[in-house]
Amino acid sequence: MTSKIRGDDNFDSEGIVTGTAKAWVFFNGKDVTEIYNSFNVLGITDNGTGDYSAHYITTLDPSGNAFVGSVDDADNPSNIGTVQPKKTGGLTPTHCRFETAVANSSANRTNIDCDYVSVVLY
């Protein structure tokens, strides 16, 4: 569907709506009661060290979503952090379960709670 904004400028409004974030959350991974900001996220559950679930307000189709995340551990700024959905049951219609971790000098991945965690689902 093409919509006209002005003059000869056209855009695909369906493509824009389809490509927007469906849910996102920015929270404190050491104190999950502190959500800095969010969209379509009711709350966060702490499932253990570096293991969280973000619960959606509106259900989502898990088969068509892209997951993006970032972390920052203020206590150890030299750590390289990662965020990834759990391999089994990570993306469901009602929530996204994911892990935050760092790679240490021996290249081992270790789950940790980070000060700043951001997750976006498209």
Protein backbone atom coordinates (compact mmCIF):
# COMPACT_ATOMS: atom_id res chain seq x y z
CA MET A 1 0.00 0.00 0.00
CA THR A 2 1.45 3.34 -0.97
CA SER A 3 0.45 6.55 0.79
CA LYS A 4 1.10 10.06 -0.45
CA ILE A 5 2.75 12.50 1.97
CA ARG A 6 3.22 15.54 -0.26
CA GLY A 7 3.74 16.19 -3.94
CA ASP A 8 5.55 13.31 -5.63
CA ASP A 9 6.98 11.85 -2.39
CA ASN A 10 5.56 8.38 -1.82
CA PHE A 11 6.36 5.79 0.77
CA ASP A 12 5.26 2.29 1.62
CA SER A 13 3.38 2.77 4.91
CA GLU A 14 2.90 -1.00 5.34
CA GLY A 15 6.65 -1.52 5.04
CA ILE A 16 7.32 1.14 7.65
CA VAL A 17 4.83 -0.35 10.11
CA THR A 18 6.17 -3.88 9.50
CA GLY A 19 9.77 -2.74 10.05
CA THR A 20 9.26 -0.96 13.37
CA ALA A 21 10.21 -2.38 16.75
CA LYS A 22 7.43 -4.52 18.22
CA ALA A 23 8.88 -4.51 21.74
CA TRP A 24 11.94 -3.11 23.48
CA VAL A 25 13.23 -2.64 27.00
CA PHE A 26 16.18 -0.88 28.65
CA PHE A 27 16.70 -2.01 32.25
CA ASN A 28 19.13 -2.55 35.11
CA GLY A 29 20.20 -6.21 35.02
CA LYS A 30 21.40 -6.06 38.61
CA ASP A 31 18.06 -4.72 39.86
CA VAL A 32 15.36 -5.81 37.39
CA THR A 33 12.76 -3.76 39.21
CA GLU A 34 14.46 -0.72 37.62
CA ILE A 35 13.24 -0.44 34.04
CA TYR A 36 14.68 2.74 32.53
CA ASN A 37 12.36 2.73 29.52
CA SER A 38 10.31 0.28 27.46
CA PHE A 39 7.70 -0.28 24.77
CA ASN A 40 5.23 -3.19 24.80
CA VAL A 41 7.01 -4.75 27.80
CA LEU A 42 4.99 -5.35 30.95
CA GLY A 43 7.95 -6.37 33.10
CA ILE A 44 11.16 -8.37 33.47
CA THR A 45 11.65 -11.66 35.34
CA ASP A 46 15.09 -12.52 36.74
CA ASN A 47 15.54 -16.27 36.11
CA GLY A 48 19.07 -16.39 37.54
CA THR A 49 22.46 -14.85 36.85
CA GLY A 50 22.35 -13.25 33.40
CA ASP A 51 19.04 -14.98 32.56
CA TYR A 52 15.94 -12.83 32.03
CA SER A 53 12.46 -12.90 30.54
CA ALA A 54 10.80 -9.80 29.09
CA HIS A 55 7.00 -10.17 29.17
CA TYR A 56 5.02 -8.49 26.37
CA ILE A 57 1.87 -6.43 26.82
CA THR A 58 0.63 -7.45 23.34
CA THR A 59 1.41 -10.95 22.04
CA LEU A 60 3.89 -11.30 19.16
CA ASP A 61 4.48 -13.89 16.47
CA PRO A 62 7.84 -15.41 17.50
CA SER A 63 8.53 -16.87 14.05
CA GLY A 64 8.96 -13.51 12.35
CA ASN A 65 10.97 -11.50 14.87
CA ALA A 66 14.57 -10.36 14.81
CA PHE A 67 16.26 -10.05 18.21
CA VAL A 68 18.89 -7.39 18.97
CA GLY A 69 20.51 -6.67 22.32
CA SER A 70 23.36 -4.90 24.04
CA VAL A 71 24.84 -4.82 27.53
CA ASP A 72 27.19 -2.63 29.54
CA ASP A 73 28.79 -3.76 32.79
CA ALA A 74 29.81 -0.54 34.55
CA ASP A 75 31.80 -2.49 37.17
CA ASN A 76 33.97 -4.10 34.48
CA PRO A 77 33.97 -1.81 31.41
CA SER A 78 36.67 -3.86 29.66
CA ASN A 79 34.35 -6.88 29.46
CA ILE A 80 32.87 -7.58 26.03
CA GLY A 81 29.20 -8.27 26.66
CA THR A 82 26.70 -10.24 24.62
CA VAL A 83 22.96 -10.75 24.71
CA GLN A 84 21.22 -13.66 23.01
CA PRO A 85 17.86 -15.41 23.20
CA LYS A 86 17.76 -18.80 24.89
CA LYS A 87 18.04 -21.58 22.31
CA THR A 88 14.98 -23.42 23.61
CA GLY A 89 11.86 -21.40 24.38
CA GLY A 90 13.61 -18.06 23.96
CA LEU A 91 11.03 -16.37 21.74
CA THR A 92 7.36 -17.08 22.48
CA PRO A 93 4.14 -15.14 21.79
CA THR A 94 4.09 -13.82 25.38
CA HIS A 95 7.75 -13.30 26.32
CA CYS A 96 11.37 -13.35 25.25
CA ARG A 97 13.87 -15.22 27.42
CA PHE A 98 17.50 -14.20 26.94
CA GLU A 99 20.94 -14.34 28.53
CA THR A 100 23.56 -11.67 29.14
CA ALA A 101 27.18 -12.76 29.25
CA VAL A 102 30.77 -11.66 28.85
CA ALA A 103 33.71 -13.29 27.13
CA ASN A 104 36.71 -13.32 29.43
CA SER A 105 40.38 -13.48 28.43
CA SER A 106 40.26 -17.24 27.87
CA ALA A 107 37.29 -16.76 25.47
CA ASN A 108 34.88 -18.54 27.79
CA ARG A 109 31.34 -17.20 27.89
CA THR A 110 30.08 -16.51 31.43
CA ASN A 111 26.59 -15.30 32.31
CA ILE A 112 26.62 -12.10 34.38
CA ASP A 113 24.15 -9.47 35.54
CA CYS A 114 24.96 -6.15 33.84
CA ASP A 115 24.05 -2.62 34.86
CA TYR A 116 22.56 -1.70 31.49
CA VAL A 117 20.68 -4.18 29.31
CA SER A 118 18.81 -3.30 26.10
CA VAL A 119 16.72 -5.72 24.04
CA VAL A 120 14.72 -4.93 20.90
CA LEU A 121 12.41 -7.19 18.90
CA TYR A 122 11.54 -6.33 15.30
